[in-house]
Amino acid sequence: MKIKPIKKAGSHRTGTLTNISVEDINTILGFAPNVQDDPYKVKHSWGFKVGKHECGIWDYKGSEKWGEFSTYGPDTVFDKLFGDNYTN
């Protein structure tokens, strides 16, 4: 699965990653957070494309502290990348 970083945040939450860290996400995606998001609500934000699908991952109001991140994109992409850590 080819992952290409893009500078675009996810538009709305379509799923959730749980029991995962920023470092785990960096390792799986192959890059560190790359999107400037709302600094009052989001500390870490990744934007990327898999094929034609634009995807995003971000923490929301400190959710990274308990290992939870919001996602935007197709379930098939997140299931393959994150397995049991992903729920829709």
C-alpha atoms as a PDB file:
ATOM      1  CA  MET A   1       0.000   0.000   0.000  1.00  0.00           C
ATOM      2  CA  LYS A   2       1.601   3.272  -1.139  1.00  0.00           C
ATOM      3  CA  ILE A   3       1.108   6.192   1.260  1.00  0.00           C
ATOM      4  CA  LYS A   4       1.732   9.722  -0.039  1.00  0.00           C
ATOM      5  CA  PRO A   5       1.802  12.645   2.453  1.00  0.00           C
ATOM      6  CA  ILE A   6      -0.466  15.601   1.588  1.00  0.00           C
ATOM      7  CA  LYS A   7      -0.940  18.925   3.386  1.00  0.00           C
ATOM      8  CA  LYS A   8      -4.699  18.511   3.877  1.00  0.00           C
ATOM      9  CA  ALA A   9      -6.537  17.692   7.100  1.00  0.00           C
ATOM     10  CA  GLY A  10      -9.424  15.223   7.267  1.00  0.00           C
ATOM     11  CA  SER A  11     -12.752  16.989   6.788  1.00  0.00           C
ATOM     12  CA  HIS A  12     -14.732  15.057   9.428  1.00  0.00           C
ATOM     13  CA  ARG A  13     -14.390  11.969  11.599  1.00  0.00           C
ATOM     14  CA  THR A  14     -15.306   8.679   9.942  1.00  0.00           C
ATOM     15  CA  GLY A  15     -13.478   6.372  12.366  1.00  0.00           C
ATOM     16  CA  THR A  16     -11.271   6.082  15.429  1.00  0.00           C
ATOM     17  CA  LEU A  17      -7.849   4.705  16.280  1.00  0.00           C
ATOM     18  CA  THR A  18      -7.451   3.445  19.857  1.00  0.00           C
ATOM     19  CA  ASN A  19      -4.600   2.090  21.979  1.00  0.00           C
ATOM     20  CA  ILE A  20      -2.021   3.719  19.711  1.00  0.00           C
ATOM     21  CA  SER A  21       0.644   6.409  20.086  1.00  0.00           C
ATOM     22  CA  VAL A  22       1.957   9.228  17.919  1.00  0.00           C
ATOM     23  CA  GLU A  23       5.141   7.191  17.453  1.00  0.00           C
ATOM     24  CA  ASP A  24       3.149   4.138  16.301  1.00  0.00           C
ATOM     25  CA  ILE A  25       1.277   6.230  13.722  1.00  0.00           C
ATOM     26  CA  ASN A  26       4.553   7.806  12.513  1.00  0.00           C
ATOM     27  CA  THR A  27       6.043   4.343  12.029  1.00  0.00           C
ATOM     28  CA  ILE A  28       3.026   2.951  10.160  1.00  0.00           C
ATOM     29  CA  LEU A  29       2.644   5.975   7.874  1.00  0.00           C
ATOM     30  CA  GLY A  30       6.380   6.558   7.457  1.00  0.00           C
ATOM     31  CA  PHE A  31       6.286  10.250   8.388  1.00  0.00           C
ATOM     32  CA  ALA A  32       5.585  12.612  11.304  1.00  0.00           C
ATOM     33  CA  PRO A  33       2.509  14.861  11.616  1.00  0.00           C
ATOM     34  CA  ASN A  34       2.503  17.079   8.519  1.00  0.00           C
ATOM     35  CA  VAL A  35      -0.679  19.192   8.620  1.00  0.00           C
ATOM     36  CA  GLN A  36      -1.212  22.511  10.384  1.00  0.00           C
ATOM     37  CA  ASP A  37      -4.585  22.115  12.064  1.00  0.00           C
ATOM     38  CA  ASP A  38      -6.589  24.153  14.577  1.00  0.00           C
ATOM     39  CA  PRO A  39      -4.019  24.730  17.366  1.00  0.00           C
ATOM     40  CA  TYR A  40      -6.770  25.103  19.986  1.00  0.00           C
ATOM     41  CA  LYS A  41      -8.158  21.634  19.288  1.00  0.00           C
ATOM     42  CA  VAL A  42      -5.488  19.553  17.523  1.00  0.00           C
ATOM     43  CA  LYS A  43      -1.863  18.872  18.446  1.00  0.00           C
ATOM     44  CA  HIS A  44      -0.967  16.134  15.908  1.00  0.00           C
ATOM     45  CA  SER A  45      -2.427  15.883  12.392  1.00  0.00           C
ATOM     46  CA  TRP A  46      -1.449  13.746   9.401  1.00  0.00           C
ATOM     47  CA  GLY A  47      -2.765  14.080   5.851  1.00  0.00           C
ATOM     48  CA  PHE A  48      -2.092  11.434   3.207  1.00  0.00           C
ATOM     49  CA  LYS A  49      -3.357   9.718   0.074  1.00  0.00           C
ATOM     50  CA  VAL A  50      -3.627   6.013  -0.554  1.00  0.00           C
ATOM     51  CA  GLY A  51      -4.401   5.546  -4.227  1.00  0.00           C
ATOM     52  CA  LYS A  52      -7.168   8.036  -5.017  1.00  0.00           C
ATOM     53  CA  HIS A  53      -8.344   8.244  -1.383  1.00  0.00           C
ATOM     54  CA  GLU A  54      -7.525  11.302   0.720  1.00  0.00           C
ATOM     55  CA  CYS A  55      -7.157  10.375   4.388  1.00  0.00           C
ATOM     56  CA  GLY A  56      -6.438  12.067   7.680  1.00  0.00           C
ATOM     57  CA  ILE A  57      -5.616  11.297  11.289  1.00  0.00           C
ATOM     58  CA  TRP A  58      -5.695  13.774  14.170  1.00  0.00           C
ATOM     59  CA  ASP A  59      -5.989  13.996  17.917  1.00  0.00           C
ATOM     60  CA  TYR A  60      -8.807  16.096  19.353  1.00  0.00           C
ATOM     61  CA  LYS A  61      -8.525  18.132  22.529  1.00  0.00           C
ATOM     62  CA  GLY A  62      -5.858  15.960  24.148  1.00  0.00           C
ATOM     63  CA  SER A  63      -7.140  12.573  23.009  1.00  0.00           C
ATOM     64  CA  GLU A  64      -3.554  11.474  22.250  1.00  0.00           C
ATOM     65  CA  LYS A  65      -3.014  11.295  26.025  1.00  0.00           C
ATOM     66  CA  TRP A  66      -5.277   8.242  26.210  1.00  0.00           C
ATOM     67  CA  GLY A  67      -4.184   6.780  22.839  1.00  0.00           C
ATOM     68  CA  GLU A  68      -7.184   7.864  20.757  1.00  0.00           C
ATOM     69  CA  PHE A  69      -7.166   9.579  17.346  1.00  0.00           C
ATOM     70  CA  SER A  70      -9.882  10.521  14.858  1.00  0.00           C
ATOM     71  CA  THR A  71      -9.659   9.353  11.250  1.00  0.00           C
ATOM     72  CA  TYR A  72     -11.048  10.388   7.892  1.00  0.00           C
ATOM     73  CA  GLY A  73     -11.046   8.009   4.944  1.00  0.00           C
ATOM     74  CA  PRO A  74     -12.233   4.589   3.778  1.00  0.00           C
ATOM     75  CA  ASP A  75     -12.506   1.756   6.282  1.00  0.00           C
ATOM     76  CA  THR A  76     -10.541  -0.521   3.941  1.00  0.00           C
ATOM     77  CA  VAL A  77      -7.473   1.750   4.119  1.00  0.00           C
ATOM     78  CA  PHE A  78      -7.508   2.052   7.914  1.00  0.00           C
ATOM     79  CA  ASP A  79      -8.276  -1.649   8.438  1.00  0.00           C
ATOM     80  CA  LYS A  80      -5.192  -2.578   6.387  1.00  0.00           C
ATOM     81  CA  LEU A  81      -2.920  -0.007   8.004  1.00  0.00           C
ATOM     82  CA  PHE A  82      -4.028  -0.222  11.654  1.00  0.00           C
ATOM     83  CA  GLY A  83      -5.879  -3.535  12.043  1.00  0.00           C
ATOM     84  CA  ASP A  84      -7.505  -3.959  15.453  1.00  0.00           C
ATOM     85  CA  ASN A  85      -6.593  -0.414  16.481  1.00  0.00           C
ATOM     86  CA  TYR A  86      -9.205   0.911  14.008  1.00  0.00           C
ATOM     87  CA  THR A  87     -12.982   1.081  14.477  1.00  0.00           C
ATOM     88  CA  ASN A  88     -15.566   2.886  12.362  1.00  0.00           C
END
